Amino acid sequence: MASNEPGLAPLSAPAEDPIKGAIGVPVDADIPVAPDQFDERYETTKWEIWAYYCYYVGDNGLSLFNFGPTAFQNLMYEAAGDSEILRFMGRDRKINSIVLLSNGLSFAIQCVVFLILGAFADFGTWRPNILIGLSIFAFGIGFGWLGVHTEDKWHAGVGLYIVGLIAYQTTITFWTAAFPGLARNTKDLRVKAEEFAEGRITRAEYDFADMMKRNELSNTAFYVQSVFEILILAVIVGIMFGLRVNDSAENNNWGLSVLIAFATGVWILCAIPWFIMEKRRPGQDPGRANIVLAGLKQLGYAMRQIWQLRQSLAYLVGYFLLGDSLNTTVTVIGTLQNEIVSYNSLQLTYLLIVGIAAQAVGIGAFWRIQKYYGLSTKTMFMVVAVCIVLLDGWGMIGIWTQSFGFHKRWEVWVYQVFYGLLVCPWYSYSQTMISEVTPRGKEFLFFSLFSIVGKTSAFIGPLVSSAIIDDTGNNSSPFYFLFALSAVSCAWLFFFVDVGKSRIEQEEFLEKEKNSKMEDESMRSLT
């Protein structure tokens, strides 16, 4: 067999870290090694996986990411009247400009939150408490909308919108960061590791099995969430008919607040199984330092040494650019869509049902195609990237004509189908790509770093688009900027990101970190 890979431990070694493998355990040069170690106490169970999926069914975005923004914009339009202008941050602004600025403020705050929490989430066994705490915060915001449903409270709506986005994005990030550890502690990966140790499969075959298992969990979670979200939306339609949302503007306003609270209640019920059943797998050992200091030290080390991970940085750049484009594109199209359907909560729910149904079909089809043909994560990701470019091209046409480019009612229905089928898989494959370029055992740190970059991009894009709208007075004009940004980022990701090279760089990174820790320990023992 081939010689040992750097930074890996023999399969028979004790599991110091069930997520990253027992890095630093002496290696027998005659025994092939797998990069993941297993402890029966932390083996992923079927019920744990379904509890993981269940949390995502609740954290579906309906409360704080879909209906919350709609309620926020609706109150502003009622307060502004026909002028569509309100006083915000020291000057008169168009409502779409206020939406984009609020997005930017929210994402800027998220950067700070991720920097603080992500630095030490990979240490100890307490990290599930981060998601629990953030979720409880989100639940409070969801129910808070019950007190904000009249136009005179639009300022409060701005506040709930900003903190609601923070709560949603942070919960979804720390939930997502758990899936590589779940995948790598499954029985399937344990069997593959044993086969590798026995020489029955190659390292490339083991890495392929690891990649496919991560894609399976990520895509299945997205599919399950989509299917159950359709059922939730069907119940929501019944609630809206009961509230007679079409009878008056007041009923529609109240209906939006009730829907946010209902979706929050569903989230609570779906979150409880994961809070109970998630195994508290030990992370890295902070040593003599407390977890906070160890986390800050790890963050500093990672920031100094990350330049070794050139492929990770290349993906980080592409993720920054394409994430910026997509986040801003969805916001711009969302504001145009809301204007077209006049913020009617029933119409918006019907659109969501169509979009989510298309999303379920899309992610299911993507995963089936990937599994059948054995395609890589990057291949599937690039298909999505091309579709994002096409979406911005569609919007750009609307700058020159009112007959196409998100100006007609039929277009918002077609958009929901296109977005669900071909763009929504971004939310699965972009995260799996992060796991492809993340060193083992650094999942929460790197997912947080990528989230910081993603939120920074979402801070810059809305500000640029807001300035473009204020300058031109045309709500479609940001698509010039967004189309160019999407095209450039798509080309960058295709030509400059190599997952195979990234695996080699990750192993070298972990080996250097191990040697650095051994040197530090030697120095301390001498003193």
Protein backbone atom coordinates (compact mmCIF):
# COMPACT_ATOMS: atom_id res chain seq x y z
CA MET A 1 0.00 0.00 0.00
CA ALA A 2 0.93 3.63 -0.31
CA SER A 3 2.76 5.33 2.47
CA ASN A 4 0.92 7.25 5.16
CA GLU A 5 -0.78 10.51 4.29
CA PRO A 6 0.57 13.46 6.31
CA GLY A 7 -1.39 14.42 9.38
CA LEU A 8 -3.43 11.21 9.55
CA ALA A 9 -3.66 8.52 12.20
CA PRO A 10 -3.89 4.73 11.92
CA LEU A 11 -7.41 3.37 11.91
CA SER A 12 -6.78 1.52 15.15
CA ALA A 13 -5.75 4.68 16.99
CA PRO A 14 -8.02 6.02 19.74
CA ALA A 15 -10.46 8.70 18.61
CA GLU A 16 -9.38 11.99 20.16
CA ASP A 17 -11.73 13.97 17.92
CA PRO A 18 -14.60 12.15 16.22
CA ILE A 19 -15.02 15.00 13.75
CA LYS A 20 -11.54 15.48 12.44
CA GLY A 21 -9.78 12.21 13.17
CA ALA A 22 -7.09 11.69 15.75
CA ILE A 23 -4.54 14.03 14.26
CA GLY A 24 -1.21 13.80 15.99
CA VAL A 25 -1.38 10.12 17.00
CA PRO A 26 1.85 8.25 16.10
CA VAL A 27 1.59 6.55 12.75
CA ASP A 28 2.77 3.08 11.81
CA ALA A 29 4.32 3.50 8.38
CA ASP A 30 3.23 0.00 7.32
CA ILE A 31 -0.49 0.63 7.88
CA PRO A 32 -2.55 2.69 5.41
CA VAL A 33 -4.64 5.30 7.19
CA ALA A 34 -8.00 6.97 6.70
CA PRO A 35 -8.44 10.63 7.61
CA ASP A 36 -11.43 9.97 9.89
CA GLN A 37 -11.40 8.07 13.17
CA PHE A 38 -14.42 6.50 14.84
CA ASP A 39 -15.72 6.14 18.36
CA GLU A 40 -18.82 3.98 18.81
CA ARG A 41 -20.21 6.43 21.37
CA TYR A 42 -20.45 9.12 18.71
CA GLU A 43 -21.49 7.06 15.69
CA THR A 44 -24.26 8.88 13.83
CA THR A 45 -27.64 7.18 14.19
CA LYS A 46 -30.61 7.20 11.84
CA TRP A 47 -32.69 9.13 14.37
CA GLU A 48 -30.00 11.74 14.85
CA ILE A 49 -29.87 12.34 11.10
CA TRP A 50 -33.67 12.71 10.93
CA ALA A 51 -33.60 15.08 13.90
CA TYR A 52 -31.02 17.10 11.93
CA TYR A 53 -33.37 17.19 8.92
CA CYS A 54 -36.28 18.08 11.21
CA TYR A 55 -34.56 21.22 12.50
CA TYR A 56 -34.21 22.45 8.91
CA VAL A 57 -37.92 21.83 8.31
CA GLY A 58 -38.58 24.37 11.06
CA ASP A 59 -35.75 26.75 10.16
CA ASN A 60 -37.16 27.06 6.65
CA GLY A 61 -36.96 30.84 6.42
CA LEU A 62 -40.71 31.42 6.16
CA SER A 63 -40.87 33.42 9.37
CA LEU A 64 -37.83 35.73 9.28
CA PHE A 65 -36.58 35.39 5.69
CA ASN A 66 -39.82 35.34 3.65
CA PHE A 67 -42.84 36.78 5.46
CA GLY A 68 -40.77 39.03 7.75
CA PRO A 69 -39.26 41.04 4.87
CA THR A 70 -42.67 41.19 3.17
CA ALA A 71 -44.33 42.59 6.34
CA PHE A 72 -41.47 45.08 6.75
CA GLN A 73 -41.74 46.38 3.17
CA ASN A 74 -45.54 46.40 3.28
CA LEU A 75 -45.62 48.68 6.34
CA MET A 76 -43.17 51.07 4.68
CA TYR A 77 -45.25 51.30 1.50
CA GLU A 78 -48.36 52.08 3.53
CA ALA A 79 -46.51 54.72 5.54
CA ALA A 80 -44.99 56.33 2.42
CA GLY A 81 -48.12 56.39 0.27
CA ASP A 82 -47.82 57.18 -3.43
CA SER A 83 -44.50 58.98 -2.98
CA GLU A 84 -42.72 55.72 -2.00
CA ILE A 85 -40.24 57.88 -0.09
CA LEU A 86 -39.50 57.83 3.65
CA ARG A 87 -37.00 59.55 5.91
CA PHE A 88 -34.30 57.04 6.85
CA MET A 89 -30.77 57.50 8.21
CA GLY A 90 -30.81 61.26 7.81
CA ARG A 91 -32.23 61.62 4.30
CA ASP A 92 -35.25 60.90 2.13
CA ARG A 93 -34.92 57.54 0.40
CA LYS A 94 -36.91 55.29 -1.89
CA ILE A 95 -38.29 52.23 -0.15
CA ASN A 96 -36.17 49.80 -2.19
CA SER A 97 -33.09 51.77 -1.13
CA ILE A 98 -34.10 51.46 2.54
CA VAL A 99 -34.52 47.69 2.12
CA LEU A 100 -31.03 47.34 0.68
CA LEU A 101 -29.48 49.55 3.37
CA SER A 102 -31.22 47.53 6.10
CA ASN A 103 -29.81 44.37 4.52
CA GLY A 104 -26.36 45.88 4.61
CA LEU A 105 -26.65 46.85 8.27
CA SER A 106 -27.90 43.39 9.20
CA PHE A 107 -25.10 41.62 7.38
CA ALA A 108 -22.46 43.91 8.91
CA ILE A 109 -23.65 42.94 12.40
CA GLN A 110 -23.65 39.27 11.40
CA CYS A 111 -19.95 39.54 10.58
CA VAL A 112 -19.19 40.50 14.18
CA VAL A 113 -21.40 37.71 15.57
CA PHE A 114 -19.74 35.06 13.41
CA LEU A 115 -16.26 36.33 14.27
CA ILE A 116 -16.96 36.03 18.00
CA LEU A 117 -18.82 32.70 18.04
CA GLY A 118 -17.10 30.89 15.18
CA ALA A 119 -13.63 31.32 16.65
CA PHE A 120 -14.21 28.92 19.54
CA ALA A 121 -17.11 26.74 18.36
CA ASP A 122 -14.71 23.92 17.35
CA PHE A 123 -13.56 23.44 20.95
CA GLY A 124 -15.08 21.33 23.71
CA THR A 125 -18.55 19.79 23.75
CA TRP A 126 -20.68 22.87 24.38
CA ARG A 127 -21.07 24.09 20.78
CA PRO A 128 -24.69 22.80 20.42
CA ASN A 129 -25.56 25.48 22.99
CA ILE A 130 -24.70 28.14 20.41
CA LEU A 131 -27.47 26.96 18.08
CA ILE A 132 -29.91 26.54 20.98
CA GLY A 133 -29.28 30.09 22.21
CA LEU A 134 -29.52 31.66 18.76
CA SER A 135 -32.72 29.71 18.04
CA ILE A 136 -34.40 30.96 21.22
CA PHE A 137 -33.46 34.51 20.18
CA ALA A 138 -35.03 33.90 16.76
CA PHE A 139 -38.22 32.54 18.32
CA GLY A 140 -38.64 35.75 20.30
CA ILE A 141 -38.27 37.88 17.16
CA GLY A 142 -40.85 35.80 15.30
CA PHE A 143 -43.47 36.26 17.99
CA GLY A 144 -42.50 39.95 18.26
CA TRP A 145 -44.13 40.60 14.87
CA LEU A 146 -47.54 40.09 16.51
CA GLY A 147 -47.11 43.57 17.98
CA VAL A 148 -46.01 45.23 14.72
CA HIS A 149 -48.70 45.34 12.04
CA THR A 150 -49.71 49.00 11.55
CA GLU A 151 -48.02 51.59 9.33
CA ASP A 152 -47.11 53.87 12.25
CA LYS A 153 -44.79 51.11 13.53
CA TRP A 154 -42.70 50.82 10.38
CA HIS A 155 -39.59 51.88 12.32
CA ALA A 156 -40.07 48.89 14.63
CA GLY A 157 -40.52 46.78 11.52
CA VAL A 158 -37.06 47.91 10.34
CA GLY A 159 -35.57 46.77 13.65
CA LEU A 160 -37.31 43.38 13.59
CA TYR A 161 -36.27 42.89 9.97
CA ILE A 162 -32.60 43.59 10.70
CA VAL A 163 -32.31 41.40 13.80
CA GLY A 164 -34.54 38.76 12.19
CA LEU A 165 -32.08 38.33 9.33
CA ILE A 166 -29.25 38.07 11.87
CA ALA A 167 -31.09 35.35 13.80
CA TYR A 168 -32.02 33.38 10.69
CA GLN A 169 -28.59 33.49 9.06
CA THR A 170 -26.69 32.61 12.23
CA THR A 171 -28.95 29.67 13.10
CA ILE A 172 -28.77 28.26 9.59
CA THR A 173 -24.97 28.59 9.53
CA PHE A 174 -24.34 26.80 12.83
CA TRP A 175 -26.88 24.13 11.87
CA THR A 176 -25.16 23.61 8.51
CA ALA A 177 -21.68 23.38 10.04
CA ALA A 178 -22.67 20.14 11.80
CA PHE A 179 -23.24 18.06 8.66
CA PRO A 180 -19.59 17.16 7.84
CA GLY A 181 -19.21 15.72 11.36
CA LEU A 182 -22.48 13.79 11.01
CA ALA A 183 -21.45 12.37 7.64
CA ARG A 184 -17.97 11.38 8.79
CA ASN A 185 -19.29 9.55 11.84
CA THR A 186 -21.75 7.36 9.93
CA LYS A 187 -21.47 3.59 9.73
CA ASP A 188 -20.98 3.87 5.95
CA LEU A 189 -17.80 5.93 6.35
CA ARG A 190 -16.55 3.63 9.12
CA VAL A 191 -16.89 0.66 6.76
CA LYS A 192 -15.07 2.57 4.03
CA ALA A 193 -12.26 3.43 6.45
CA GLU A 194 -11.91 -0.25 7.35
CA GLU A 195 -11.81 -1.19 3.67
CA PHE A 196 -9.13 1.42 3.08
CA ALA A 197 -7.06 0.15 6.01
CA GLU A 198 -7.33 -3.38 4.61
CA GLY A 199 -6.19 -2.23 1.17
CA ARG A 200 -9.48 -3.00 -0.59
CA ILE A 201 -10.07 0.60 -1.76
CA THR A 202 -7.76 3.48 -2.64
CA ARG A 203 -7.53 6.85 -0.90
CA ALA A 204 -9.29 8.41 -3.91
CA GLU A 205 -12.18 5.98 -3.48
CA TYR A 206 -12.38 6.79 0.23
CA ASP A 207 -12.43 10.53 -0.51
CA PHE A 208 -15.17 9.95 -3.12
CA ALA A 209 -17.28 8.07 -0.54
CA ASP A 210 -16.76 10.92 1.93
CA MET A 211 -17.77 13.50 -0.68
CA MET A 212 -20.92 11.58 -1.66
CA LYS A 213 -21.99 11.06 1.95
CA ARG A 214 -21.67 14.78 2.65
CA ASN A 215 -23.66 15.55 -0.49
CA GLU A 216 -26.28 12.96 0.51
CA LEU A 217 -26.90 14.54 3.91
CA SER A 218 -26.86 18.10 2.60
CA ASN A 219 -29.14 17.43 -0.38
CA THR A 220 -31.53 15.16 1.51
CA ALA A 221 -31.93 17.79 4.23
CA PHE A 222 -32.81 20.37 1.58
CA TYR A 223 -35.25 17.99 -0.14
CA VAL A 224 -37.02 16.97 3.08
CA GLN A 225 -37.30 20.60 4.12
CA SER A 226 -38.82 21.53 0.75
CA VAL A 227 -41.44 18.78 0.86
CA PHE A 228 -42.59 19.61 4.39
CA GLU A 229 -42.51 23.33 3.67
CA ILE A 230 -45.20 22.79 1.03
CA LEU A 231 -47.42 21.21 3.71
CA ILE A 232 -46.73 24.13 6.06
CA LEU A 233 -47.66 26.59 3.32
CA ALA A 234 -50.89 24.70 2.66
CA VAL A 235 -51.85 25.20 6.32
CA ILE A 236 -50.87 28.86 6.01
CA VAL A 237 -53.28 29.30 3.10
CA GLY A 238 -56.08 28.02 5.33
CA ILE A 239 -55.07 30.44 8.09
CA MET A 240 -55.16 33.37 5.65
CA PHE A 241 -58.64 32.49 4.43
CA GLY A 242 -59.72 32.32 8.08
CA LEU A 243 -58.28 35.78 8.71
CA ARG A 244 -59.91 37.18 5.52
CA VAL A 245 -56.68 38.82 4.40
CA ASN A 246 -58.19 39.96 1.10
CA ASP A 247 -60.97 41.96 2.78
CA SER A 248 -58.84 44.93 3.86
CA ALA A 249 -55.30 46.27 4.19
CA GLU A 250 -55.58 45.93 7.97
CA ASN A 251 -56.50 42.25 7.68
CA ASN A 252 -53.60 41.68 5.29
CA ASN A 253 -51.16 43.37 7.69
CA TRP A 254 -52.40 41.32 10.64
CA GLY A 255 -52.34 38.18 8.51
CA LEU A 256 -48.63 38.63 7.74
CA SER A 257 -47.81 38.97 11.44
CA VAL A 258 -49.86 35.88 12.31
CA LEU A 259 -48.11 33.88 9.58
CA ILE A 260 -44.69 34.83 10.95
CA ALA A 261 -45.75 33.73 14.43
CA PHE A 262 -47.24 30.46 13.14
CA ALA A 263 -44.07 29.62 11.20
CA THR A 264 -42.09 30.38 14.36
CA GLY A 265 -44.24 27.93 16.33
CA VAL A 266 -43.54 25.23 13.75
CA TRP A 267 -39.82 26.02 14.03
CA ILE A 268 -39.91 25.49 17.80
CA LEU A 269 -41.59 22.08 17.47
CA CYS A 270 -39.13 20.96 14.78
CA ALA A 271 -36.08 22.22 16.66
CA ILE A 272 -36.68 20.27 19.88
CA PRO A 273 -35.71 16.79 18.51
CA TRP A 274 -32.33 18.11 17.30
CA PHE A 275 -31.66 19.90 20.58
CA ILE A 276 -32.25 16.60 22.41
CA MET A 277 -30.75 14.03 20.01
CA GLU A 278 -27.59 15.75 18.76
CA LYS A 279 -24.60 13.93 20.23
CA ARG A 280 -22.17 16.25 21.93
CA ARG A 281 -19.11 15.09 20.06
CA PRO A 282 -15.90 16.48 21.55
CA GLY A 283 -14.15 19.08 19.48
CA GLN A 284 -10.57 20.20 19.76
CA ASP A 285 -8.89 20.24 23.15
CA PRO A 286 -8.21 23.86 24.22
CA GLY A 287 -5.36 22.65 26.42
CA ARG A 288 -4.48 24.84 29.37
CA ALA A 289 -6.25 27.88 27.94
CA ASN A 290 -9.98 28.45 28.31
CA ILE A 291 -12.18 27.93 25.27
CA VAL A 292 -12.52 31.63 24.42
CA LEU A 293 -8.76 32.28 24.46
CA ALA A 294 -8.10 29.03 22.58
CA GLY A 295 -10.67 30.06 19.98
CA LEU A 296 -9.13 33.48 19.47
CA LYS A 297 -5.69 31.89 19.22
CA GLN A 298 -6.99 29.43 16.62
CA LEU A 299 -8.58 32.26 14.65
CA GLY A 300 -5.30 34.17 14.65
CA TYR A 301 -3.36 31.09 13.57
CA ALA A 302 -5.84 30.32 10.83
CA MET A 303 -5.74 33.88 9.52
CA ARG A 304 -1.91 33.80 9.45
CA GLN A 305 -1.63 30.38 7.86
CA ILE A 306 -4.67 30.33 5.60
CA TRP A 307 -2.55 31.65 2.74
CA GLN A 308 -1.19 28.08 2.50
CA LEU A 309 -4.71 26.95 1.55
CA ARG A 310 -4.69 28.53 -1.88
CA GLN A 311 -7.64 26.55 -3.21
CA SER A 312 -9.67 27.42 -0.11
CA LEU A 313 -8.86 31.08 -0.71
CA ALA A 314 -9.76 30.77 -4.39
CA TYR A 315 -13.17 29.36 -3.47
CA LEU A 316 -13.52 32.03 -0.80
CA VAL A 317 -13.10 34.72 -3.46
CA GLY A 318 -15.58 33.05 -5.80
CA TYR A 319 -18.03 32.45 -2.96
CA PHE A 320 -17.73 36.12 -2.00
CA LEU A 321 -18.46 37.36 -5.51
CA LEU A 322 -21.21 34.93 -6.47
CA GLY A 323 -22.83 35.09 -3.03
CA ASP A 324 -22.87 38.88 -3.30
CA SER A 325 -24.57 38.70 -6.67
CA LEU A 326 -27.16 36.10 -5.65
CA ASN A 327 -28.06 37.72 -2.30
CA THR A 328 -28.58 41.10 -3.93
CA THR A 329 -30.36 39.61 -6.94
CA VAL A 330 -32.90 37.84 -4.72
CA THR A 331 -33.51 41.06 -2.78
CA VAL A 332 -33.98 43.17 -5.93
CA ILE A 333 -36.29 40.62 -7.57
CA GLY A 334 -38.17 40.22 -4.28
CA THR A 335 -38.94 43.94 -4.11
CA LEU A 336 -40.06 43.94 -7.76
CA GLN A 337 -42.22 40.85 -7.14
CA ASN A 338 -43.84 42.39 -4.07
CA GLU A 339 -44.78 45.48 -6.07
CA ILE A 340 -46.28 43.37 -8.87
CA VAL A 341 -48.56 41.41 -6.53
CA SER A 342 -49.23 44.48 -4.32
CA TYR A 343 -47.96 42.74 -1.17
CA ASN A 344 -51.00 40.47 -1.13
CA SER A 345 -50.13 37.80 1.43
CA LEU A 346 -52.29 35.14 -0.25
CA GLN A 347 -50.70 35.70 -3.66
CA LEU A 348 -47.23 35.64 -2.11
CA THR A 349 -48.02 32.34 -0.40
CA TYR A 350 -49.19 30.78 -3.67
CA LEU A 351 -45.94 31.93 -5.27
CA LEU A 352 -43.97 30.40 -2.41
CA ILE A 353 -45.78 27.08 -2.81
CA VAL A 354 -44.85 26.99 -6.49
CA GLY A 355 -41.27 27.98 -5.70
CA ILE A 356 -40.82 25.44 -2.93
CA ALA A 357 -42.36 22.64 -5.02
CA ALA A 358 -39.92 23.50 -7.81
CA GLN A 359 -37.12 23.60 -5.24
CA ALA A 360 -37.95 20.06 -4.07
CA VAL A 361 -37.96 18.79 -7.65
CA GLY A 362 -34.76 20.68 -8.43
CA ILE A 363 -32.66 19.45 -5.51
CA GLY A 364 -34.03 15.92 -5.93
CA ALA A 365 -33.10 15.93 -9.61
CA PHE A 366 -29.64 17.40 -8.96
CA TRP A 367 -28.85 14.73 -6.35
CA ARG A 368 -30.17 11.86 -8.51
CA ILE A 369 -28.11 13.01 -11.47
CA GLN A 370 -25.00 13.44 -9.32
CA LYS A 371 -25.43 10.04 -7.68
CA TYR A 372 -26.19 8.19 -10.95
CA TYR A 373 -23.26 9.63 -12.90
CA GLY A 374 -20.87 9.99 -9.94
CA LEU A 375 -20.38 13.70 -10.57
CA SER A 376 -18.26 15.88 -8.30
CA THR A 377 -19.59 18.59 -6.02
CA LYS A 378 -17.88 21.24 -8.13
CA THR A 379 -19.55 20.06 -11.34
CA MET A 380 -23.01 20.39 -9.80
CA PHE A 381 -22.06 23.71 -8.24
CA MET A 382 -20.94 25.14 -11.60
CA VAL A 383 -24.29 24.27 -13.20
CA VAL A 384 -25.99 26.37 -10.53
CA ALA A 385 -23.48 29.21 -11.05
CA VAL A 386 -24.31 29.40 -14.77
CA CYS A 387 -28.03 29.56 -13.94
CA ILE A 388 -27.41 32.53 -11.61
CA VAL A 389 -25.76 34.36 -14.53
CA LEU A 390 -28.84 33.64 -16.67
CA LEU A 391 -31.13 34.96 -13.91
CA ASP A 392 -29.28 38.28 -13.81
CA GLY A 393 -29.36 38.45 -17.61
CA TRP A 394 -33.13 38.09 -17.43
CA GLY A 395 -33.37 41.00 -15.00
CA MET A 396 -30.98 43.13 -17.04
CA ILE A 397 -33.31 43.03 -20.05
CA GLY A 398 -35.89 44.79 -17.87
CA ILE A 399 -33.72 47.92 -17.80
CA TRP A 400 -34.55 48.61 -21.45
CA THR A 401 -38.15 47.40 -21.69
CA GLN A 402 -41.26 47.08 -19.54
CA SER A 403 -42.51 43.99 -21.38
CA PHE A 404 -39.87 41.62 -19.96
CA GLY A 405 -37.44 41.55 -17.06
CA PHE A 406 -39.54 41.14 -13.88
CA HIS A 407 -42.24 43.64 -14.79
CA LYS A 408 -45.17 41.33 -15.61
CA ARG A 409 -47.23 39.14 -13.29
CA TRP A 410 -46.59 35.99 -15.35
CA GLU A 411 -42.84 36.50 -14.93
CA VAL A 412 -42.93 36.14 -11.15
CA TRP A 413 -44.54 32.70 -11.56
CA VAL A 414 -41.92 31.63 -14.11
CA TYR A 415 -39.22 33.08 -11.84
CA GLN A 416 -40.35 30.93 -8.91
CA VAL A 417 -40.10 27.80 -11.06
CA PHE A 418 -36.71 28.73 -12.55
CA TYR A 419 -35.30 29.79 -9.20
CA GLY A 420 -36.54 26.65 -7.45
CA LEU A 421 -35.37 24.19 -10.10
CA LEU A 422 -32.00 25.64 -11.05
CA VAL A 423 -30.84 28.25 -8.51
CA CYS A 424 -31.98 26.95 -5.11
CA PRO A 425 -29.50 24.02 -5.23
CA TRP A 426 -26.90 26.75 -4.55
CA TYR A 427 -27.90 26.65 -0.89
CA SER A 428 -26.89 23.00 -0.70
CA TYR A 429 -23.92 22.74 -3.06
CA SER A 430 -22.24 25.98 -1.98
CA GLN A 431 -22.17 24.65 1.60
CA THR A 432 -20.90 21.24 0.50
CA MET A 433 -18.17 23.03 -1.45
CA ILE A 434 -17.14 24.77 1.78
CA SER A 435 -16.74 21.34 3.39
CA GLU A 436 -14.62 20.28 0.39
CA VAL A 437 -12.04 23.01 1.09
CA THR A 438 -12.19 22.90 4.92
CA PRO A 439 -9.50 21.04 6.93
CA ARG A 440 -10.95 18.31 9.14
CA GLY A 441 -11.76 19.47 12.64
CA LYS A 442 -12.02 23.13 11.58
CA GLU A 443 -15.62 22.97 10.34
CA PHE A 444 -17.20 25.54 12.65
CA LEU A 445 -14.31 27.98 12.28
CA PHE A 446 -14.24 27.76 8.49
CA PHE A 447 -18.03 27.80 8.08
CA SER A 448 -18.04 30.93 10.25
CA LEU A 449 -15.26 32.50 8.18
CA PHE A 450 -17.14 31.74 4.98
CA SER A 451 -20.31 33.13 6.53
CA ILE A 452 -18.43 36.32 7.46
CA VAL A 453 -17.25 36.62 3.86
CA GLY A 454 -20.74 35.84 2.60
CA LYS A 455 -22.27 38.48 4.85
CA THR A 456 -19.59 41.01 3.94
CA SER A 457 -20.44 40.48 0.30
CA ALA A 458 -24.14 40.83 1.11
CA PHE A 459 -23.25 44.09 2.86
CA ILE A 460 -21.40 45.52 -0.14
CA GLY A 461 -23.78 44.41 -2.89
CA PRO A 462 -26.91 46.01 -1.42
CA LEU A 463 -25.08 49.28 -0.76
CA VAL A 464 -23.87 49.47 -4.37
CA SER A 465 -27.31 48.53 -5.70
CA SER A 466 -28.99 51.05 -3.40
CA ALA A 467 -26.71 53.81 -4.71
CA ILE A 468 -27.48 52.78 -8.30
CA ILE A 469 -31.24 52.94 -7.66
CA ASP A 470 -30.95 56.33 -5.91
CA ASP A 471 -28.91 57.68 -8.83
CA THR A 472 -31.03 56.33 -11.70
CA GLY A 473 -34.50 56.08 -10.13
CA ASN A 474 -34.88 52.71 -11.92
CA ASN A 475 -35.41 49.68 -9.66
CA SER A 476 -34.05 47.35 -12.37
CA SER A 477 -30.79 49.24 -12.93
CA PRO A 478 -28.72 47.15 -10.43
CA PHE A 479 -28.89 44.21 -12.86
CA TYR A 480 -26.08 45.81 -14.92
CA PHE A 481 -23.78 45.42 -11.94
CA LEU A 482 -25.20 42.03 -10.88
CA PHE A 483 -24.89 40.40 -14.32
CA ALA A 484 -21.24 41.42 -14.65
CA LEU A 485 -20.50 40.27 -11.10
CA SER A 486 -22.11 36.86 -11.66
CA ALA A 487 -20.29 36.28 -14.93
CA VAL A 488 -16.88 37.16 -13.47
CA SER A 489 -17.37 35.01 -10.36
CA CYS A 490 -18.60 32.05 -12.43
CA ALA A 491 -15.48 32.19 -14.60
CA TRP A 492 -13.25 32.52 -11.52
CA LEU A 493 -14.72 29.44 -9.84
CA PHE A 494 -14.42 27.37 -13.00
CA PHE A 495 -10.79 28.18 -13.75
CA PHE A 496 -9.20 28.72 -10.32
CA VAL A 497 -10.76 26.22 -7.88
CA ASP A 498 -9.30 22.68 -7.81
CA VAL A 499 -10.75 20.39 -5.13
CA GLY A 500 -8.04 17.74 -5.60
CA LYS A 501 -5.27 20.25 -4.91
CA SER A 502 -7.27 21.54 -1.95
CA ARG A 503 -7.19 18.11 -0.22
CA ILE A 504 -3.38 18.07 -0.43
CA GLU A 505 -3.15 21.60 0.95
CA GLN A 506 -5.48 20.73 3.84
CA GLU A 507 -3.31 17.77 4.89
CA GLU A 508 -0.18 19.92 4.77
CA PHE A 509 -1.96 22.61 6.82
CA LEU A 510 -2.96 20.11 9.53
CA GLU A 511 0.53 18.60 9.59
CA LYS A 512 2.13 22.01 10.11
CA GLU A 513 -0.37 22.82 12.85
CA LYS A 514 0.42 19.53 14.57
CA ASN A 515 4.17 20.22 14.42
CA SER A 516 3.62 23.75 15.72
CA LYS A 517 1.69 22.43 18.73
CA MET A 518 4.39 19.84 19.44
CA GLU A 519 7.05 22.54 19.34
CA ASP A 520 5.03 24.72 21.74
CA GLU A 521 4.64 21.80 24.14
CA SER A 522 8.36 21.06 23.97
CA MET A 523 9.20 24.66 24.76
CA ARG A 524 6.82 24.67 27.74
CA SER A 525 8.30 21.43 29.07
CA LEU A 526 11.80 22.89 28.87
CA THR A 527 10.76 25.95 30.82
